[in-house]
PDB file of all heavy atoms in Angstrom:
ATOM      1  N   CYS A   1       0.340  -3.503   5.806  1.00  0.00           N
ATOM      2  CA  CYS A   1      -0.150  -2.212   6.336  1.00  0.00           C
ATOM      3  C   CYS A   1       0.797  -1.078   5.901  1.00  0.00           C
ATOM      4  O   CYS A   1       2.011  -1.142   6.024  1.00  0.00           O
ATOM      5  CB  CYS A   1      -0.191  -2.249   7.863  1.00  0.00           C
ATOM      6  SG  CYS A   1      -0.914  -0.765   8.618  1.00  0.00           S
ATOM      7  N   LEU A   2       0.181   0.013   5.390  1.00  0.00           N
ATOM      8  CA  LEU A   2       0.923   1.185   4.989  1.00  0.00           C
ATOM      9  C   LEU A   2       0.257   2.424   5.647  1.00  0.00           C
ATOM     10  O   LEU A   2      -0.719   2.932   5.162  1.00  0.00           O
ATOM     11  CB  LEU A   2       0.947   1.369   3.472  1.00  0.00           C
ATOM     12  CG  LEU A   2       1.799   2.523   2.916  1.00  0.00           C
ATOM     13  CD1 LEU A   2       3.283   2.277   3.188  1.00  0.00           C
ATOM     14  CD2 LEU A   2       1.531   2.716   1.425  1.00  0.00           C
ATOM     15  N   PRO A   3       0.798   2.875   6.795  1.00  0.00           N
ATOM     16  CA  PRO A   3       0.158   3.932   7.585  1.00  0.00           C
ATOM     17  C   PRO A   3       0.653   5.348   7.266  1.00  0.00           C
ATOM     18  O   PRO A   3       0.777   6.191   8.151  1.00  0.00           O
ATOM     19  CB  PRO A   3       0.520   3.534   9.027  1.00  0.00           C
ATOM     20  CG  PRO A   3       1.844   2.825   8.898  1.00  0.00           C
ATOM     21  CD  PRO A   3       1.905   2.237   7.519  1.00  0.00           C
ATOM     22  N   SER A   4       0.925   5.626   5.997  1.00  0.00           N
ATOM     23  CA  SER A   4       1.593   6.892   5.569  1.00  0.00           C
ATOM     24  C   SER A   4       0.813   8.149   5.913  1.00  0.00           C
ATOM     25  O   SER A   4      -0.399   8.214   5.855  1.00  0.00           O
ATOM     26  CB  SER A   4       1.818   6.857   4.060  1.00  0.00           C
ATOM     27  OG  SER A   4       2.195   5.603   3.609  1.00  0.00           O
ATOM     28  N   ASP A   5       1.610   9.195   6.193  1.00  0.00           N
ATOM     29  CA  ASP A   5       1.055  10.557   6.242  1.00  0.00           C
ATOM     30  C   ASP A   5       1.181  11.251   4.882  1.00  0.00           C
ATOM     31  O   ASP A   5       0.380  12.104   4.559  1.00  0.00           O
ATOM     32  CB  ASP A   5       1.839  11.405   7.282  1.00  0.00           C
ATOM     33  CG  ASP A   5       1.467  11.045   8.695  1.00  0.00           C
ATOM     34  OD1 ASP A   5       0.327  10.602   8.938  1.00  0.00           O
ATOM     35  OD2 ASP A   5       2.325  11.179   9.618  1.00  0.00           O
ATOM     36  N   VAL A   6       2.207  10.859   4.127  1.00  0.00           N
ATOM     37  CA  VAL A   6       2.468  11.502   2.813  1.00  0.00           C
ATOM     38  C   VAL A   6       2.847  10.415   1.831  1.00  0.00           C
ATOM     39  O   VAL A   6       3.648   9.530   2.106  1.00  0.00           O
ATOM     40  CB  VAL A   6       3.654  12.528   2.894  1.00  0.00           C
ATOM     41  CG1 VAL A   6       3.942  13.132   1.534  1.00  0.00           C
ATOM     42  CG2 VAL A   6       3.320  13.636   3.888  1.00  0.00           C
ATOM     43  N   GLU A   7       2.263  10.464   0.638  1.00  0.00           N
ATOM     44  CA  GLU A   7       2.625   9.562  -0.455  1.00  0.00           C
ATOM     45  C   GLU A   7       2.557  10.321  -1.782  1.00  0.00           C
ATOM     46  O   GLU A   7       1.917  11.348  -1.886  1.00  0.00           O
ATOM     47  CB  GLU A   7       1.679   8.369  -0.519  1.00  0.00           C
ATOM     48  CG  GLU A   7       1.876   7.312   0.510  1.00  0.00           C
ATOM     49  CD  GLU A   7       3.165   6.509   0.337  1.00  0.00           C
ATOM     50  OE1 GLU A   7       3.786   6.657  -0.732  1.00  0.00           O
ATOM     51  OE2 GLU A   7       3.517   5.746   1.254  1.00  0.00           O
ATOM     52  N   GLY A   8       3.210   9.757  -2.785  1.00  0.00           N
ATOM     53  CA  GLY A   8       3.039  10.214  -4.155  1.00  0.00           C
ATOM     54  C   GLY A   8       2.036   9.227  -4.774  1.00  0.00           C
ATOM     55  O   GLY A   8       0.830   9.445  -4.791  1.00  0.00           O
ATOM     56  N   MET A   9       2.565   8.128  -5.243  1.00  0.00           N
ATOM     57  CA  MET A   9       1.757   6.964  -5.564  1.00  0.00           C
ATOM     58  C   MET A   9       2.473   5.747  -5.014  1.00  0.00           C
ATOM     59  O   MET A   9       3.535   5.404  -5.522  1.00  0.00           O
ATOM     60  CB  MET A   9       1.504   6.828  -7.047  1.00  0.00           C
ATOM     61  CG  MET A   9       0.533   5.710  -7.364  1.00  0.00           C
ATOM     62  SD  MET A   9       0.233   5.511  -9.110  1.00  0.00           S
ATOM     63  CE  MET A   9      -1.101   4.277  -9.044  1.00  0.00           C
ATOM     64  N   PRO A  10       1.944   5.101  -3.987  1.00  0.00           N
ATOM     65  CA  PRO A  10       2.707   4.081  -3.254  1.00  0.00           C
ATOM     66  C   PRO A  10       2.904   2.791  -4.031  1.00  0.00           C
ATOM     67  O   PRO A  10       2.000   1.955  -4.122  1.00  0.00           O
ATOM     68  CB  PRO A  10       1.850   3.854  -2.001  1.00  0.00           C
ATOM     69  CG  PRO A  10       0.451   4.253  -2.398  1.00  0.00           C
ATOM     70  CD  PRO A  10       0.622   5.371  -3.400  1.00  0.00           C
ATOM     71  N   LEU A  11       4.132   2.606  -4.567  1.00  0.00           N
ATOM     72  CA  LEU A  11       4.415   1.395  -5.341  1.00  0.00           C
ATOM     73  C   LEU A  11       4.354   0.160  -4.472  1.00  0.00           C
ATOM     74  O   LEU A  11       3.941  -0.914  -4.963  1.00  0.00           O
ATOM     75  CB  LEU A  11       5.780   1.541  -5.958  1.00  0.00           C
ATOM     76  CG  LEU A  11       5.857   2.227  -7.338  1.00  0.00           C
ATOM     77  CD1 LEU A  11       7.287   2.420  -7.761  1.00  0.00           C
ATOM     78  CD2 LEU A  11       5.071   1.411  -8.376  1.00  0.00           C
ATOM     79  N   SER A  12       4.793   0.250  -3.207  1.00  0.00           N
ATOM     80  CA  SER A  12       4.778  -0.946  -2.384  1.00  0.00           C
ATOM     81  C   SER A  12       3.318  -1.440  -2.128  1.00  0.00           C
ATOM     82  O   SER A  12       3.090  -2.644  -2.018  1.00  0.00           O
ATOM     83  CB  SER A  12       5.437  -0.658  -1.022  1.00  0.00           C
ATOM     84  OG  SER A  12       4.763   0.378  -0.326  1.00  0.00           O
ATOM     85  N   LEU A  13       2.394  -0.482  -2.104  1.00  0.00           N
ATOM     86  CA  LEU A  13       0.970  -0.866  -1.981  1.00  0.00           C
ATOM     87  C   LEU A  13       0.482  -1.549  -3.247  1.00  0.00           C
ATOM     88  O   LEU A  13      -0.224  -2.554  -3.180  1.00  0.00           O
ATOM     89  CB  LEU A  13       0.146   0.366  -1.659  1.00  0.00           C
ATOM     90  CG  LEU A  13      -1.397   0.206  -1.616  1.00  0.00           C
ATOM     91  CD1 LEU A  13      -1.772  -0.860  -0.578  1.00  0.00           C
ATOM     92  CD2 LEU A  13      -2.068   1.507  -1.305  1.00  0.00           C
ATOM     93  N   LEU A  14       0.834  -1.003  -4.391  1.00  0.00           N
ATOM     94  CA  LEU A  14       0.480  -1.674  -5.672  1.00  0.00           C
ATOM     95  C   LEU A  14       1.025  -3.095  -5.688  1.00  0.00           C
ATOM     96  O   LEU A  14       0.348  -4.036  -6.104  1.00  0.00           O
ATOM     97  CB  LEU A  14       1.046  -0.889  -6.851  1.00  0.00           C
ATOM     98  CG  LEU A  14       0.347   0.401  -7.277  1.00  0.00           C
ATOM     99  CD1 LEU A  14       1.109   1.059  -8.406  1.00  0.00           C
ATOM    100  CD2 LEU A  14      -1.062   0.147  -7.679  1.00  0.00           C
ATOM    101  N   GLU A  15       2.282  -3.241  -5.268  1.00  0.00           N
ATOM    102  CA  GLU A  15       2.910  -4.561  -5.274  1.00  0.00           C
ATOM    103  C   GLU A  15       2.212  -5.514  -4.311  1.00  0.00           C
ATOM    104  O   GLU A  15       1.940  -6.678  -4.660  1.00  0.00           O
ATOM    105  CB  GLU A  15       4.390  -4.463  -4.909  1.00  0.00           C
ATOM    106  CG  GLU A  15       5.206  -3.796  -5.998  1.00  0.00           C
ATOM    107  CD  GLU A  15       6.697  -3.680  -5.610  1.00  0.00           C
ATOM    108  OE1 GLU A  15       6.979  -3.321  -4.461  1.00  0.00           O
ATOM    109  OE2 GLU A  15       7.549  -3.967  -6.472  1.00  0.00           O
ATOM    110  N   ALA A  16       1.905  -5.019  -3.113  1.00  0.00           N
ATOM    111  CA  ALA A  16       1.188  -5.882  -2.143  1.00  0.00           C
ATOM    112  C   ALA A  16      -0.129  -6.360  -2.671  1.00  0.00           C
ATOM    113  O   ALA A  16      -0.484  -7.528  -2.574  1.00  0.00           O
ATOM    114  CB  ALA A  16       1.005  -5.092  -0.832  1.00  0.00           C
ATOM    115  N   MET A  17      -0.873  -5.467  -3.327  1.00  0.00           N
ATOM    116  CA  MET A  17      -2.184  -5.822  -3.891  1.00  0.00           C
ATOM    117  C   MET A  17      -2.027  -6.786  -5.079  1.00  0.00           C
ATOM    118  O   MET A  17      -2.865  -7.653  -5.292  1.00  0.00           O
ATOM    119  CB  MET A  17      -2.972  -4.594  -4.275  1.00  0.00           C
ATOM    120  CG  MET A  17      -3.328  -3.733  -3.085  1.00  0.00           C
ATOM    121  SD  MET A  17      -4.394  -2.306  -3.532  1.00  0.00           S
ATOM    122  CE  MET A  17      -5.988  -3.113  -3.831  1.00  0.00           C
ATOM    123  N   SER A  18      -0.923  -6.623  -5.834  1.00  0.00           N
ATOM    124  CA  SER A  18      -0.710  -7.529  -6.956  1.00  0.00           C
ATOM    125  C   SER A  18      -0.519  -8.973  -6.470  1.00  0.00           C
ATOM    126  O   SER A  18      -0.804  -9.934  -7.205  1.00  0.00           O
ATOM    127  CB  SER A  18       0.495  -7.083  -7.801  1.00  0.00           C
ATOM    128  OG  SER A  18       1.733  -7.379  -7.150  1.00  0.00           O
ATOM    129  N   TYR A  19      -0.014  -9.138  -5.254  1.00  0.00           N
ATOM    130  CA  TYR A  19       0.137 -10.466  -4.651  1.00  0.00           C
ATOM    131  C   TYR A  19      -1.198 -10.952  -4.005  1.00  0.00           C
ATOM    132  O   TYR A  19      -1.255 -12.066  -3.511  1.00  0.00           O
ATOM    133  CB  TYR A  19       1.197 -10.458  -3.555  1.00  0.00           C
ATOM    134  CG  TYR A  19       2.630 -10.501  -4.086  1.00  0.00           C
ATOM    135  CD1 TYR A  19       3.294  -9.364  -4.465  1.00  0.00           C
ATOM    136  CD2 TYR A  19       3.295 -11.717  -4.170  1.00  0.00           C
ATOM    137  CE1 TYR A  19       4.600  -9.390  -4.944  1.00  0.00           C
ATOM    138  CE2 TYR A  19       4.592 -11.803  -4.656  1.00  0.00           C
ATOM    139  CZ  TYR A  19       5.248 -10.604  -5.028  1.00  0.00           C
ATOM    140  OH  TYR A  19       6.539 -10.657  -5.505  1.00  0.00           O
ATOM    141  N   GLY A  20      -2.210 -10.112  -4.039  1.00  0.00           N
ATOM    142  CA  GLY A  20      -3.479 -10.452  -3.428  1.00  0.00           C
ATOM    143  C   GLY A  20      -3.529 -10.235  -1.928  1.00  0.00           C
ATOM    144  O   GLY A  20      -4.413 -10.768  -1.255  1.00  0.00           O
ATOM    145  N   CYS A  21      -2.562  -9.438  -1.411  1.00  0.00           N
ATOM    146  CA  CYS A  21      -2.515  -9.218   0.052  1.00  0.00           C
ATOM    147  C   CYS A  21      -3.721  -8.432   0.521  1.00  0.00           C
ATOM    148  O   CYS A  21      -4.195  -7.486  -0.142  1.00  0.00           O
ATOM    149  CB  CYS A  21      -1.248  -8.375   0.398  1.00  0.00           C
ATOM    150  SG  CYS A  21       0.301  -9.233   0.060  1.00  0.00           S
ATOM    151  N   THR A  22      -4.252  -8.784   1.675  1.00  0.00           N
ATOM    152  CA  THR A  22      -5.220  -7.983   2.395  1.00  0.00           C
ATOM    153  C   THR A  22      -4.461  -6.759   2.886  1.00  0.00           C
ATOM    154  O   THR A  22      -3.401  -6.891   3.512  1.00  0.00           O
ATOM    155  CB  THR A  22      -5.803  -8.764   3.575  1.00  0.00           C
ATOM    156  OG1 THR A  22      -6.490  -9.878   3.075  1.00  0.00           O
ATOM    157  CG2 THR A  22      -6.724  -7.901   4.399  1.00  0.00           C
ATOM    158  N   CYS A  23      -4.999  -5.558   2.641  1.00  0.00           N
ATOM    159  CA  CYS A  23      -4.221  -4.342   2.933  1.00  0.00           C
ATOM    160  C   CYS A  23      -5.018  -3.387   3.831  1.00  0.00           C
ATOM    161  O   CYS A  23      -6.244  -3.239   3.701  1.00  0.00           O
ATOM    162  CB  CYS A  23      -3.866  -3.606   1.637  1.00  0.00           C
ATOM    163  SG  CYS A  23      -2.736  -4.513   0.596  1.00  0.00           S
ATOM    164  N   LEU A  24      -4.277  -2.709   4.690  1.00  0.00           N
ATOM    165  CA  LEU A  24      -4.820  -1.659   5.539  1.00  0.00           C
ATOM    166  C   LEU A  24      -3.926  -0.446   5.391  1.00  0.00           C
ATOM    167  O   LEU A  24      -2.714  -0.519   5.578  1.00  0.00           O
ATOM    168  CB  LEU A  24      -4.839  -2.082   7.000  1.00  0.00           C
ATOM    169  CG  LEU A  24      -5.197  -1.035   8.051  1.00  0.00           C
ATOM    170  CD1 LEU A  24      -6.598  -0.485   7.823  1.00  0.00           C
ATOM    171  CD2 LEU A  24      -5.078  -1.622   9.463  1.00  0.00           C
ATOM    172  N   VAL A  25      -4.542   0.705   4.994  1.00  0.00           N
ATOM    173  CA  VAL A  25      -3.777   1.911   4.696  1.00  0.00           C
ATOM    174  C   VAL A  25      -4.395   3.112   5.336  1.00  0.00           C
ATOM    175  O   VAL A  25      -5.587   3.138   5.670  1.00  0.00           O
ATOM    176  CB  VAL A  25      -3.646   2.127   3.174  1.00  0.00           C
ATOM    177  CG1 VAL A  25      -2.971   0.957   2.500  1.00  0.00           C
ATOM    178  CG2 VAL A  25      -5.042   2.367   2.542  1.00  0.00           C
ATOM    179  N   SER A  26      -3.605   4.153   5.529  1.00  0.00           N
ATOM    180  CA  SER A  26      -4.127   5.417   6.000  1.00  0.00           C
ATOM    181  C   SER A  26      -5.058   6.008   4.941  1.00  0.00           C
ATOM    182  O   SER A  26      -4.911   5.718   3.756  1.00  0.00           O
ATOM    183  CB  SER A  26      -2.989   6.421   6.309  1.00  0.00           C
ATOM    184  OG  SER A  26      -2.222   6.598   5.151  1.00  0.00           O
TER     185      SER A  26
END
């Protein structure tokens, strides 16, 4: 889960998805 109010380009989200993680984001 990445509940950000502000991002540039979220590398941690890219990494999580590269592992095949189910993701929930703002």
